[in-house]
C-alpha atoms as a PDB file:
ATOM      1  CA  MET A   1      25.243  81.140 140.493  1.00  0.00           C
ATOM      2  CA  VAL A   2      22.708  83.609 139.129  1.00  0.00           C
ATOM      3  CA  SER A   3      20.130  83.186 136.389  1.00  0.00           C
ATOM      4  CA  ALA A   4      17.462  85.016 134.460  1.00  0.00           C
ATOM      5  CA  THR A   5      14.672  83.905 132.147  1.00  0.00           C
ATOM      6  CA  LEU A   6      13.578  85.964 129.184  1.00  0.00           C
ATOM      7  CA  THR A   7      11.897  85.648 125.805  1.00  0.00           C
ATOM      8  CA  VAL A   8      13.801  86.415 122.610  1.00  0.00           C
ATOM      9  CA  LYS A   9      11.929  89.299 120.992  1.00  0.00           C
ATOM     10  CA  ASN A  10      14.189  89.945 118.016  1.00  0.00           C
ATOM     11  CA  LYS A  11      12.281  89.065 114.806  1.00  0.00           C
ATOM     12  CA  SER A  12      15.256  87.144 113.461  1.00  0.00           C
ATOM     13  CA  GLY A  13      16.086  85.421 116.742  1.00  0.00           C
ATOM     14  CA  LEU A  14      19.771  84.971 117.489  1.00  0.00           C
ATOM     15  CA  HIS A  15      20.937  85.002 113.872  1.00  0.00           C
ATOM     16  CA  ALA A  16      24.451  85.943 112.708  1.00  0.00           C
ATOM     17  CA  ARG A  17      24.770  89.586 113.797  1.00  0.00           C
ATOM     18  CA  PRO A  18      23.168  89.297 117.251  1.00  0.00           C
ATOM     19  CA  ALA A  19      24.904  85.969 117.890  1.00  0.00           C
ATOM     20  CA  SER A  20      28.248  87.536 117.022  1.00  0.00           C
ATOM     21  CA  LYS A  21      27.653  90.482 119.379  1.00  0.00           C
ATOM     22  CA  LEU A  22      26.532  88.122 122.135  1.00  0.00           C
ATOM     23  CA  ALA A  23      29.538  85.815 121.755  1.00  0.00           C
ATOM     24  CA  MET A  24      31.963  88.759 121.798  1.00  0.00           C
ATOM     25  CA  LEU A  25      30.350  90.115 124.968  1.00  0.00           C
ATOM     26  CA  CYS A  26      30.341  86.736 126.715  1.00  0.00           C
ATOM     27  CA  GLN A  27      33.997  86.058 125.936  1.00  0.00           C
ATOM     28  CA  LYS A  28      35.070  88.961 128.150  1.00  0.00           C
ATOM     29  CA  PHE A  29      33.679  87.314 131.293  1.00  0.00           C
ATOM     30  CA  GLU A  30      35.488  84.775 133.445  1.00  0.00           C
ATOM     31  CA  SER A  31      32.274  83.166 134.703  1.00  0.00           C
ATOM     32  CA  ASP A  32      30.909  79.963 133.255  1.00  0.00           C
ATOM     33  CA  LEU A  33      27.918  80.945 131.128  1.00  0.00           C
ATOM     34  CA  CYS A  34      25.071  78.881 129.707  1.00  0.00           C
ATOM     35  CA  ILE A  35      21.904  79.562 127.764  1.00  0.00           C
ATOM     36  CA  ARG A  36      19.168  76.951 127.985  1.00  0.00           C
ATOM     37  CA  ALA A  37      16.505  76.903 125.297  1.00  0.00           C
ATOM     38  CA  GLY A  38      14.187  73.969 125.890  1.00  0.00           C
ATOM     39  CA  GLU A  39      16.393  70.881 126.134  1.00  0.00           C
ATOM     40  CA  LYS A  40      19.362  72.611 124.483  1.00  0.00           C
ATOM     41  CA  GLU A  41      22.336  73.901 126.452  1.00  0.00           C
ATOM     42  CA  ILE A  42      24.201  76.561 124.505  1.00  0.00           C
ATOM     43  CA  ASP A  43      27.654  77.971 125.195  1.00  0.00           C
ATOM     44  CA  PRO A  44      27.167  81.702 124.551  1.00  0.00           C
ATOM     45  CA  LYS A  45      30.923  82.211 124.220  1.00  0.00           C
ATOM     46  CA  SER A  46      30.800  80.134 121.018  1.00  0.00           C
ATOM     47  CA  ILE A  47      29.367  81.754 117.883  1.00  0.00           C
ATOM     48  CA  VAL A  48      29.087  78.308 116.286  1.00  0.00           C
ATOM     49  CA  ASP A  49      27.079  76.956 119.214  1.00  0.00           C
ATOM     50  CA  LEU A  50      24.780  79.990 119.172  1.00  0.00           C
ATOM     51  CA  LEU A  51      24.117  79.745 115.436  1.00  0.00           C
ATOM     52  CA  SER A  52      23.757  75.973 115.283  1.00  0.00           C
ATOM     53  CA  ASN A  53      20.992  75.956 117.884  1.00  0.00           C
ATOM     54  CA  GLY A  54      18.748  78.340 115.938  1.00  0.00           C
ATOM     55  CA  VAL A  55      17.125  80.298 118.765  1.00  0.00           C
ATOM     56  CA  LYS A  56      14.100  81.991 117.185  1.00  0.00           C
ATOM     57  CA  GLN A  57      11.784  84.838 118.104  1.00  0.00           C
ATOM     58  CA  GLY A  58       9.450  83.871 120.936  1.00  0.00           C
ATOM     59  CA  THR A  59      11.826  81.294 122.414  1.00  0.00           C
ATOM     60  CA  GLU A  60      12.050  81.421 126.192  1.00  0.00           C
ATOM     61  CA  ILE A  61      15.647  81.121 127.330  1.00  0.00           C
ATOM     62  CA  GLU A  62      17.329  80.818 130.699  1.00  0.00           C
ATOM     63  CA  ILE A  63      20.733  82.407 131.098  1.00  0.00           C
ATOM     64  CA  THR A  64      22.981  81.244 133.929  1.00  0.00           C
ATOM     65  CA  ALA A  65      26.302  82.628 135.113  1.00  0.00           C
ATOM     66  CA  ASP A  66      28.587  81.103 137.718  1.00  0.00           C
ATOM     67  CA  GLY A  67      31.857  82.726 138.753  1.00  0.00           C
ATOM     68  CA  SER A  68      33.608  85.809 140.027  1.00  0.00           C
ATOM     69  CA  ASP A  69      31.832  88.248 137.690  1.00  0.00           C
ATOM     70  CA  GLU A  70      28.515  86.396 137.441  1.00  0.00           C
ATOM     71  CA  GLN A  71      26.124  89.238 138.290  1.00  0.00           C
ATOM     72  CA  ASN A  72      27.805  91.707 135.967  1.00  0.00           C
ATOM     73  CA  ALA A  73      27.855  89.088 133.203  1.00  0.00           C
ATOM     74  CA  LEU A  74      24.171  88.270 133.647  1.00  0.00           C
ATOM     75  CA  ASP A  75      23.137  91.930 133.715  1.00  0.00           C
ATOM     76  CA  GLU A  76      25.069  92.775 130.545  1.00  0.00           C
ATOM     77  CA  ILE A  77      23.863  89.689 128.655  1.00  0.00           C
ATOM     78  CA  VAL A  78      20.197  90.316 129.553  1.00  0.00           C
ATOM     79  CA  SER A  79      20.570  93.957 128.527  1.00  0.00           C
ATOM     80  CA  LEU A  80      22.191  93.057 125.202  1.00  0.00           C
ATOM     81  CA  ILE A  81      19.609  90.427 124.276  1.00  0.00           C
ATOM     82  CA  GLY A  82      16.847  92.863 125.208  1.00  0.00           C
ATOM     83  CA  SER A  83      18.349  95.491 122.916  1.00  0.00           C
ATOM     84  CA  PHE A  84      18.212  93.295 119.788  1.00  0.00           C
ATOM     85  CA  THR A  85      15.524  94.658 117.464  1.00  0.00           C
ATOM     86  CA  GLU A  86      16.628  93.514 113.987  1.00  0.00           C
END
């Protein structure tokens, strides 16, 4: 299992467009993925789960990946979230 902690910098947080891009990316990986934001555990493969948890700008999140493609998954997810500037 691998993990990374980062702060959401996007002004709108993980709203509809970024959440959709994130869910589509995550669905291509076989690894089990999780985003923790405070006490919340979010399934990043689920657009509904991402949107319903309302991750806002400034929220510190921990991303974990566990499986055969875990490092690649983590690297791509961190890169994508870091690229959100909307």
